[in-house]
């Protein structure tokens, strides 16, 4: 269970995430975080993942704040993941290096992650020469090899072609089916319709709406969400162009 209580983040005197409070549906529900560019989606998810320190409020995982063991529970895939200058297999092994695993467990988890993401045949290839879609799958392999309970995905299919997008979505669906709680940042309305069980919609640093996906797409309550779904431009709090 992921919960935010009066969560806020400020930088240089500017509030980038307002005091937001919500409780996300537990696994296997997939939560899509949506909103226009600059609305604070990535920052909110980094706060939820304990990758950024809030200026106020708190995040709770199953009723308690994340502690120094949080990295064993969650994995985060950034929009532009860094590929280490080593093989595909070595990239996955490196992701497991901070966990207390035996060599046999590392081998087993690495093989399973490569198989899940369809990268077994590319295990010896240098990661930096992979295509964009292959790199996205490798980023997922590194994350899922850690067997997280929480998986945060920040625009994982941005700039990918339809086939690569479908592959990433399939892998996310497989992880969800295994009981992983996924929080997905996406600007792609079609993707959110395909994958989301609930939607958190942001504008100008505030959570404007939080609803089951079916209700959100059928009859969004807030004018900002309705404008976004209609393709109109949101400029700031309450500012919507025609």
C-alpha atoms as a PDB file:
ATOM      1  CA  UNK A   1       0.000   0.000   0.000  1.00  0.00           C
ATOM      2  CA  UNK A   2       1.376   3.389  -1.057  1.00  0.00           C
ATOM      3  CA  UNK A   3       0.118   6.462   0.732  1.00  0.00           C
ATOM      4  CA  UNK A   4       0.961  10.182   0.623  1.00  0.00           C
ATOM      5  CA  UNK A   5       0.033  12.449   3.514  1.00  0.00           C
ATOM      6  CA  UNK A   6       0.221  16.217   2.887  1.00  0.00           C
ATOM      7  CA  UNK A   7       3.203  15.527   0.628  1.00  0.00           C
ATOM      8  CA  UNK A   8       4.997  18.598  -0.719  1.00  0.00           C
ATOM      9  CA  UNK A   9       8.292  19.492  -2.366  1.00  0.00           C
ATOM     10  CA  UNK A  10       9.863  22.936  -2.709  1.00  0.00           C
ATOM     11  CA  UNK A  11      12.997  24.128  -4.468  1.00  0.00           C
ATOM     12  CA  UNK A  12      14.400  27.658  -4.308  1.00  0.00           C
ATOM     13  CA  UNK A  13      11.242  28.840  -2.611  1.00  0.00           C
ATOM     14  CA  UNK A  14       8.999  27.438  -5.345  1.00  0.00           C
ATOM     15  CA  UNK A  15       6.514  24.698  -4.559  1.00  0.00           C
ATOM     16  CA  UNK A  16       6.788  22.022  -7.255  1.00  0.00           C
ATOM     17  CA  UNK A  17       4.474  19.483  -5.619  1.00  0.00           C
ATOM     18  CA  UNK A  18       1.590  20.761  -3.520  1.00  0.00           C
ATOM     19  CA  UNK A  19       0.442  19.208  -0.279  1.00  0.00           C
ATOM     20  CA  UNK A  20      -1.138  16.084  -1.746  1.00  0.00           C
ATOM     21  CA  UNK A  21      -2.863  13.285   0.126  1.00  0.00           C
ATOM     22  CA  UNK A  22      -3.975  10.000  -1.403  1.00  0.00           C
ATOM     23  CA  UNK A  23      -3.806   6.234  -0.995  1.00  0.00           C
ATOM     24  CA  UNK A  24      -3.078   4.124  -4.051  1.00  0.00           C
ATOM     25  CA  UNK A  25      -4.781   0.835  -4.740  1.00  0.00           C
ATOM     26  CA  UNK A  26      -2.564  -2.112  -3.723  1.00  0.00           C
ATOM     27  CA  UNK A  27      -1.108  -4.696  -6.085  1.00  0.00           C
ATOM     28  CA  UNK A  28      -1.971  -5.949  -8.588  1.00  0.00           C
ATOM     29  CA  UNK A  29      -3.625  -2.640  -9.535  1.00  0.00           C
ATOM     30  CA  UNK A  30      -1.524  -0.512 -11.889  1.00  0.00           C
ATOM     31  CA  UNK A  31      -1.568   3.214 -11.158  1.00  0.00           C
ATOM     32  CA  UNK A  32      -1.009   5.639 -14.040  1.00  0.00           C
ATOM     33  CA  UNK A  33       0.233   9.108 -13.134  1.00  0.00           C
ATOM     34  CA  UNK A  34      -0.834  11.492 -15.882  1.00  0.00           C
ATOM     35  CA  UNK A  35      -0.803  15.189 -16.642  1.00  0.00           C
ATOM     36  CA  UNK A  36       0.745  17.769 -18.961  1.00  0.00           C
ATOM     37  CA  UNK A  37       4.494  18.317 -19.231  1.00  0.00           C
ATOM     38  CA  UNK A  38       5.862  20.075 -16.172  1.00  0.00           C
ATOM     39  CA  UNK A  39       2.941  19.083 -13.953  1.00  0.00           C
ATOM     40  CA  UNK A  40       5.199  17.315 -11.423  1.00  0.00           C
ATOM     41  CA  UNK A  41       4.531  13.689 -12.379  1.00  0.00           C
ATOM     42  CA  UNK A  42       8.112  12.453 -12.238  1.00  0.00           C
ATOM     43  CA  UNK A  43       8.879  14.372  -9.076  1.00  0.00           C
ATOM     44  CA  UNK A  44       5.798  12.974  -7.351  1.00  0.00           C
ATOM     45  CA  UNK A  45       6.784   9.421  -8.264  1.00  0.00           C
ATOM     46  CA  UNK A  46      10.363  10.002  -7.086  1.00  0.00           C
ATOM     47  CA  UNK A  47       8.942  11.125  -3.747  1.00  0.00           C
ATOM     48  CA  UNK A  48       6.772   8.001  -3.575  1.00  0.00           C
ATOM     49  CA  UNK A  49       9.804   5.857  -4.405  1.00  0.00           C
ATOM     50  CA  UNK A  50      11.909   7.497  -1.667  1.00  0.00           C
ATOM     51  CA  UNK A  51      14.356   8.829  -4.269  1.00  0.00           C
ATOM     52  CA  UNK A  52      13.664  12.434  -3.228  1.00  0.00           C
ATOM     53  CA  UNK A  53      13.157  13.916   0.222  1.00  0.00           C
ATOM     54  CA  UNK A  54       9.861  15.792   0.688  1.00  0.00           C
ATOM     55  CA  UNK A  55       9.844  19.332   2.037  1.00  0.00           C
ATOM     56  CA  UNK A  56       6.731  18.494   4.034  1.00  0.00           C
ATOM     57  CA  UNK A  57       4.428  15.570   4.662  1.00  0.00           C
ATOM     58  CA  UNK A  58       5.356  11.934   4.350  1.00  0.00           C
ATOM     59  CA  UNK A  59       5.131   8.787   2.290  1.00  0.00           C
ATOM     60  CA  UNK A  60       4.003   5.511   3.814  1.00  0.00           C
ATOM     61  CA  UNK A  61       4.586   2.004   2.499  1.00  0.00           C
ATOM     62  CA  UNK A  62       2.205  -0.411   4.177  1.00  0.00           C
ATOM     63  CA  UNK A  63       1.633   2.129   6.929  1.00  0.00           C
ATOM     64  CA  UNK A  64       5.271   2.909   7.735  1.00  0.00           C
ATOM     65  CA  UNK A  65       7.822   5.355   6.264  1.00  0.00           C
ATOM     66  CA  UNK A  66      10.447   3.881   3.918  1.00  0.00           C
ATOM     67  CA  UNK A  67      13.710   3.153   5.746  1.00  0.00           C
ATOM     68  CA  UNK A  68      17.265   2.330   4.696  1.00  0.00           C
ATOM     69  CA  UNK A  69      16.047  -1.064   3.463  1.00  0.00           C
ATOM     70  CA  UNK A  70      13.732   0.589   0.931  1.00  0.00           C
ATOM     71  CA  UNK A  71      16.046  -0.246  -1.979  1.00  0.00           C
ATOM     72  CA  UNK A  72      15.291  -3.929  -1.444  1.00  0.00           C
ATOM     73  CA  UNK A  73      11.574  -3.299  -1.922  1.00  0.00           C
ATOM     74  CA  UNK A  74      11.348  -0.950  -4.876  1.00  0.00           C
ATOM     75  CA  UNK A  75      12.865  -0.533  -8.322  1.00  0.00           C
ATOM     76  CA  UNK A  76      12.766   2.573 -10.498  1.00  0.00           C
ATOM     77  CA  UNK A  77      13.123   2.711 -14.286  1.00  0.00           C
ATOM     78  CA  UNK A  78      13.930   6.183 -15.575  1.00  0.00           C
ATOM     79  CA  UNK A  79      12.824   7.555 -18.922  1.00  0.00           C
ATOM     80  CA  UNK A  80      16.428   7.566 -20.140  1.00  0.00           C
ATOM     81  CA  UNK A  81      18.134   4.715 -18.271  1.00  0.00           C
ATOM     82  CA  UNK A  82      21.925   4.663 -18.223  1.00  0.00           C
ATOM     83  CA  UNK A  83      23.471   1.649 -19.923  1.00  0.00           C
ATOM     84  CA  UNK A  84      26.676   0.468 -18.280  1.00  0.00           C
ATOM     85  CA  UNK A  85      29.598  -0.139 -20.643  1.00  0.00           C
ATOM     86  CA  UNK A  86      29.418  -3.881 -20.285  1.00  0.00           C
ATOM     87  CA  UNK A  87      27.364  -6.757 -21.613  1.00  0.00           C
ATOM     88  CA  UNK A  88      23.612  -7.118 -21.269  1.00  0.00           C
ATOM     89  CA  UNK A  89      24.081  -9.937 -18.769  1.00  0.00           C
ATOM     90  CA  UNK A  90      26.650  -7.954 -16.771  1.00  0.00           C
ATOM     91  CA  UNK A  91      24.224  -5.032 -16.569  1.00  0.00           C
ATOM     92  CA  UNK A  92      21.656  -7.272 -14.906  1.00  0.00           C
ATOM     93  CA  UNK A  93      24.252  -8.796 -12.591  1.00  0.00           C
ATOM     94  CA  UNK A  94      25.369  -5.332 -11.524  1.00  0.00           C
ATOM     95  CA  UNK A  95      21.786  -4.460 -10.569  1.00  0.00           C
ATOM     96  CA  UNK A  96      21.870  -7.391  -8.139  1.00  0.00           C
ATOM     97  CA  UNK A  97      25.228  -6.506  -6.605  1.00  0.00           C
ATOM     98  CA  UNK A  98      23.741  -4.691  -3.593  1.00  0.00           C
ATOM     99  CA  UNK A  99      21.499  -7.610  -2.610  1.00  0.00           C
ATOM    100  CA  UNK A 100      22.608 -10.406  -0.256  1.00  0.00           C
ATOM    101  CA  UNK A 101      22.480 -13.171  -2.876  1.00  0.00           C
ATOM    102  CA  UNK A 102      24.615 -16.228  -3.472  1.00  0.00           C
ATOM    103  CA  UNK A 103      26.361 -16.608  -6.859  1.00  0.00           C
ATOM    104  CA  UNK A 104      23.810 -19.247  -7.773  1.00  0.00           C
ATOM    105  CA  UNK A 105      20.909 -16.937  -6.947  1.00  0.00           C
ATOM    106  CA  UNK A 106      22.483 -14.161  -9.030  1.00  0.00           C
ATOM    107  CA  UNK A 107      22.803 -16.519 -12.006  1.00  0.00           C
ATOM    108  CA  UNK A 108      19.224 -17.737 -11.636  1.00  0.00           C
ATOM    109  CA  UNK A 109      17.731 -14.269 -11.290  1.00  0.00           C
ATOM    110  CA  UNK A 110      19.781 -12.931 -14.200  1.00  0.00           C
ATOM    111  CA  UNK A 111      18.711 -15.753 -16.493  1.00  0.00           C
ATOM    112  CA  UNK A 112      15.054 -15.394 -15.482  1.00  0.00           C
ATOM    113  CA  UNK A 113      15.075 -11.615 -16.059  1.00  0.00           C
ATOM    114  CA  UNK A 114      16.682 -11.959 -19.481  1.00  0.00           C
ATOM    115  CA  UNK A 115      14.185 -14.647 -20.429  1.00  0.00           C
ATOM    116  CA  UNK A 116      11.231 -12.551 -19.246  1.00  0.00           C
ATOM    117  CA  UNK A 117      12.350  -9.559 -21.291  1.00  0.00           C
ATOM    118  CA  UNK A 118      13.328 -11.543 -24.392  1.00  0.00           C
ATOM    119  CA  UNK A 119      17.023 -10.643 -24.107  1.00  0.00           C
ATOM    120  CA  UNK A 120      18.543 -14.091 -23.550  1.00  0.00           C
ATOM    121  CA  UNK A 121      19.889 -14.154 -27.090  1.00  0.00           C
ATOM    122  CA  UNK A 122      21.580 -10.786 -26.585  1.00  0.00           C
ATOM    123  CA  UNK A 123      23.206 -11.562 -23.233  1.00  0.00           C
ATOM    124  CA  UNK A 124      26.792 -11.054 -24.474  1.00  0.00           C
ATOM    125  CA  UNK A 125      26.093  -7.952 -26.552  1.00  0.00           C
ATOM    126  CA  UNK A 126      27.422  -4.615 -25.219  1.00  0.00           C
ATOM    127  CA  UNK A 127      24.470  -2.759 -23.714  1.00  0.00           C
ATOM    128  CA  UNK A 128      25.297   0.672 -25.225  1.00  0.00           C
ATOM    129  CA  UNK A 129      24.887  -0.655 -28.793  1.00  0.00           C
ATOM    130  CA  UNK A 130      21.367  -1.972 -28.221  1.00  0.00           C
ATOM    131  CA  UNK A 131      18.421  -0.326 -29.938  1.00  0.00           C
ATOM    132  CA  UNK A 132      16.171   1.991 -27.957  1.00  0.00           C
ATOM    133  CA  UNK A 133      13.582  -0.731 -27.485  1.00  0.00           C
ATOM    134  CA  UNK A 134      16.192  -3.267 -26.396  1.00  0.00           C
ATOM    135  CA  UNK A 135      17.632  -0.795 -23.900  1.00  0.00           C
ATOM    136  CA  UNK A 136      14.158  -0.209 -22.482  1.00  0.00           C
ATOM    137  CA  UNK A 137      13.743  -3.966 -22.026  1.00  0.00           C
ATOM    138  CA  UNK A 138      17.173  -4.207 -20.407  1.00  0.00           C
ATOM    139  CA  UNK A 139      16.215  -1.463 -17.956  1.00  0.00           C
ATOM    140  CA  UNK A 140      13.173  -3.537 -17.041  1.00  0.00           C
ATOM    141  CA  UNK A 141      15.292  -6.684 -16.753  1.00  0.00           C
ATOM    142  CA  UNK A 142      17.620  -4.952 -14.300  1.00  0.00           C
ATOM    143  CA  UNK A 143      14.664  -3.761 -12.246  1.00  0.00           C
ATOM    144  CA  UNK A 144      12.701  -7.012 -12.238  1.00  0.00           C
ATOM    145  CA  UNK A 145      15.746  -9.149 -11.425  1.00  0.00           C
ATOM    146  CA  UNK A 146      15.656  -7.512  -8.000  1.00  0.00           C
ATOM    147  CA  UNK A 147      12.142  -8.947  -7.505  1.00  0.00           C
ATOM    148  CA  UNK A 148      10.701  -5.670  -6.218  1.00  0.00           C
ATOM    149  CA  UNK A 149       7.328  -5.299  -4.565  1.00  0.00           C
ATOM    150  CA  UNK A 150       7.048  -1.778  -6.023  1.00  0.00           C
ATOM    151  CA  UNK A 151       8.043  -0.917  -9.586  1.00  0.00           C
ATOM    152  CA  UNK A 152       8.097   2.722 -10.667  1.00  0.00           C
ATOM    153  CA  UNK A 153       8.213   3.386 -14.412  1.00  0.00           C
ATOM    154  CA  UNK A 154       8.868   6.927 -15.671  1.00  0.00           C
ATOM    155  CA  UNK A 155       7.701   7.217 -19.285  1.00  0.00           C
ATOM    156  CA  UNK A 156       9.312   3.846 -20.176  1.00  0.00           C
ATOM    157  CA  UNK A 157       8.070   3.905 -23.791  1.00  0.00           C
ATOM    158  CA  UNK A 158       8.793   7.551 -24.656  1.00  0.00           C
ATOM    159  CA  UNK A 159      10.210   7.764 -28.195  1.00  0.00           C
ATOM    160  CA  UNK A 160       9.797   4.029 -28.838  1.00  0.00           C
ATOM    161  CA  UNK A 161       8.134   2.604 -31.936  1.00  0.00           C
ATOM    162  CA  UNK A 162       4.852   0.675 -31.614  1.00  0.00           C
ATOM    163  CA  UNK A 163       6.498  -2.771 -31.552  1.00  0.00           C
ATOM    164  CA  UNK A 164       8.936  -1.781 -28.806  1.00  0.00           C
ATOM    165  CA  UNK A 165       6.129  -0.113 -26.862  1.00  0.00           C
ATOM    166  CA  UNK A 166       4.041  -3.271 -27.072  1.00  0.00           C
ATOM    167  CA  UNK A 167       6.984  -5.344 -25.808  1.00  0.00           C
ATOM    168  CA  UNK A 168       7.515  -3.065 -22.800  1.00  0.00           C
ATOM    169  CA  UNK A 169       3.802  -3.074 -21.986  1.00  0.00           C
ATOM    170  CA  UNK A 170       3.735  -6.875 -22.190  1.00  0.00           C
ATOM    171  CA  UNK A 171       6.634  -7.143 -19.734  1.00  0.00           C
ATOM    172  CA  UNK A 172       4.933  -4.714 -17.362  1.00  0.00           C
ATOM    173  CA  UNK A 173       1.766  -6.786 -17.586  1.00  0.00           C
ATOM    174  CA  UNK A 174       3.704  -9.941 -16.754  1.00  0.00           C
ATOM    175  CA  UNK A 175       5.230  -8.262 -13.702  1.00  0.00           C
ATOM    176  CA  UNK A 176       1.814  -7.038 -12.631  1.00  0.00           C
ATOM    177  CA  UNK A 177       0.466 -10.564 -12.972  1.00  0.00           C
ATOM    178  CA  UNK A 178       3.188 -11.718 -10.592  1.00  0.00           C
ATOM    179  CA  UNK A 179       1.925  -9.348  -7.922  1.00  0.00           C
ATOM    180  CA  UNK A 180       4.202  -6.340  -8.435  1.00  0.00           C
ATOM    181  CA  UNK A 181       2.635  -2.961  -7.680  1.00  0.00           C
ATOM    182  CA  UNK A 182       3.379  -0.715 -10.678  1.00  0.00           C
ATOM    183  CA  UNK A 183       3.227   3.069 -10.705  1.00  0.00           C
ATOM    184  CA  UNK A 184       3.536   4.277 -14.297  1.00  0.00           C
ATOM    185  CA  UNK A 185       4.182   7.862 -15.372  1.00  0.00           C
ATOM    186  CA  UNK A 186       2.798   8.352 -18.864  1.00  0.00           C
ATOM    187  CA  UNK A 187       1.621  11.140 -21.141  1.00  0.00           C
ATOM    188  CA  UNK A 188       0.161   8.541 -23.527  1.00  0.00           C
ATOM    189  CA  UNK A 189      -3.608   8.478 -23.056  1.00  0.00           C
ATOM    190  CA  UNK A 190      -3.918   5.287 -25.118  1.00  0.00           C
ATOM    191  CA  UNK A 191      -1.333   3.542 -22.973  1.00  0.00           C
ATOM    192  CA  UNK A 192      -3.095   4.572 -19.783  1.00  0.00           C
ATOM    193  CA  UNK A 193      -6.391   3.296 -21.180  1.00  0.00           C
ATOM    194  CA  UNK A 194      -4.768  -0.058 -21.988  1.00  0.00           C
ATOM    195  CA  UNK A 195      -2.891  -0.576 -18.739  1.00  0.00           C
ATOM    196  CA  UNK A 196      -4.235   1.481 -15.857  1.00  0.00           C
ATOM    197  CA  UNK A 197      -6.539   0.321 -13.103  1.00  0.00           C
ATOM    198  CA  UNK A 198      -6.532   3.770 -11.504  1.00  0.00           C
ATOM    199  CA  UNK A 199      -5.341   7.228 -12.528  1.00  0.00           C
ATOM    200  CA  UNK A 200      -3.671  10.010 -10.581  1.00  0.00           C
ATOM    201  CA  UNK A 201      -3.993  13.187 -12.645  1.00  0.00           C
ATOM    202  CA  UNK A 202      -1.696  16.142 -11.928  1.00  0.00           C
ATOM    203  CA  UNK A 203      -1.600  19.751 -13.016  1.00  0.00           C
ATOM    204  CA  UNK A 204       0.803  22.462 -11.867  1.00  0.00           C
ATOM    205  CA  UNK A 205       2.140  20.346  -9.011  1.00  0.00           C
ATOM    206  CA  UNK A 206      -1.222  19.330  -7.574  1.00  0.00           C
ATOM    207  CA  UNK A 207      -3.142  16.078  -7.729  1.00  0.00           C
ATOM    208  CA  UNK A 208      -6.323  17.310  -9.367  1.00  0.00           C
ATOM    209  CA  UNK A 209      -8.054  13.960  -9.647  1.00  0.00           C
ATOM    210  CA  UNK A 210      -7.598  10.393  -8.407  1.00  0.00           C
ATOM    211  CA  UNK A 211     -10.076   7.855  -9.698  1.00  0.00           C
ATOM    212  CA  UNK A 212     -10.532   4.328 -11.060  1.00  0.00           C
ATOM    213  CA  UNK A 213      -9.382   4.301 -14.679  1.00  0.00           C
ATOM    214  CA  UNK A 214     -12.762   3.343 -16.107  1.00  0.00           C
ATOM    215  CA  UNK A 215     -14.501   6.238 -14.347  1.00  0.00           C
ATOM    216  CA  UNK A 216     -11.691   8.679 -15.165  1.00  0.00           C
ATOM    217  CA  UNK A 217     -11.787   8.053 -18.899  1.00  0.00           C
ATOM    218  CA  UNK A 218     -15.572   7.845 -19.077  1.00  0.00           C
ATOM    219  CA  UNK A 219     -16.385  10.935 -17.017  1.00  0.00           C
ATOM    220  CA  UNK A 220     -13.443  12.804 -15.535  1.00  0.00           C
ATOM    221  CA  UNK A 221     -14.697  15.102 -12.777  1.00  0.00           C
ATOM    222  CA  UNK A 222     -12.187  17.958 -12.966  1.00  0.00           C
ATOM    223  CA  UNK A 223     -12.177  20.500 -15.808  1.00  0.00           C
ATOM    224  CA  UNK A 224      -8.388  20.108 -16.071  1.00  0.00           C
ATOM    225  CA  UNK A 225      -8.611  16.366 -16.643  1.00  0.00           C
ATOM    226  CA  UNK A 226     -11.429  16.756 -19.149  1.00  0.00           C
ATOM    227  CA  UNK A 227      -9.414  19.365 -21.035  1.00  0.00           C
ATOM    228  CA  UNK A 228      -6.351  17.106 -21.083  1.00  0.00           C
ATOM    229  CA  UNK A 229      -8.327  14.157 -22.416  1.00  0.00           C
ATOM    230  CA  UNK A 230      -9.814  16.414 -25.112  1.00  0.00           C
ATOM    231  CA  UNK A 231      -6.334  17.511 -26.218  1.00  0.00           C
ATOM    232  CA  UNK A 232      -6.558  21.063 -24.951  1.00  0.00           C
ATOM    233  CA  UNK A 233      -3.556  22.828 -23.427  1.00  0.00           C
ATOM    234  CA  UNK A 234      -3.279  23.347 -19.678  1.00  0.00           C
ATOM    235  CA  UNK A 235      -1.122  26.342 -18.823  1.00  0.00           C
ATOM    236  CA  UNK A 236      -1.392  26.576 -15.046  1.00  0.00           C
ATOM    237  CA  UNK A 237      -3.816  26.084 -12.168  1.00  0.00           C
ATOM    238  CA  UNK A 238      -7.251  26.614 -13.645  1.00  0.00           C
ATOM    239  CA  UNK A 239      -5.861  27.960 -16.953  1.00  0.00           C
ATOM    240  CA  UNK A 240      -7.145  26.037 -19.987  1.00  0.00           C
ATOM    241  CA  UNK A 241      -6.884  27.133 -23.613  1.00  0.00           C
ATOM    242  CA  UNK A 242      -9.668  26.606 -26.095  1.00  0.00           C
END
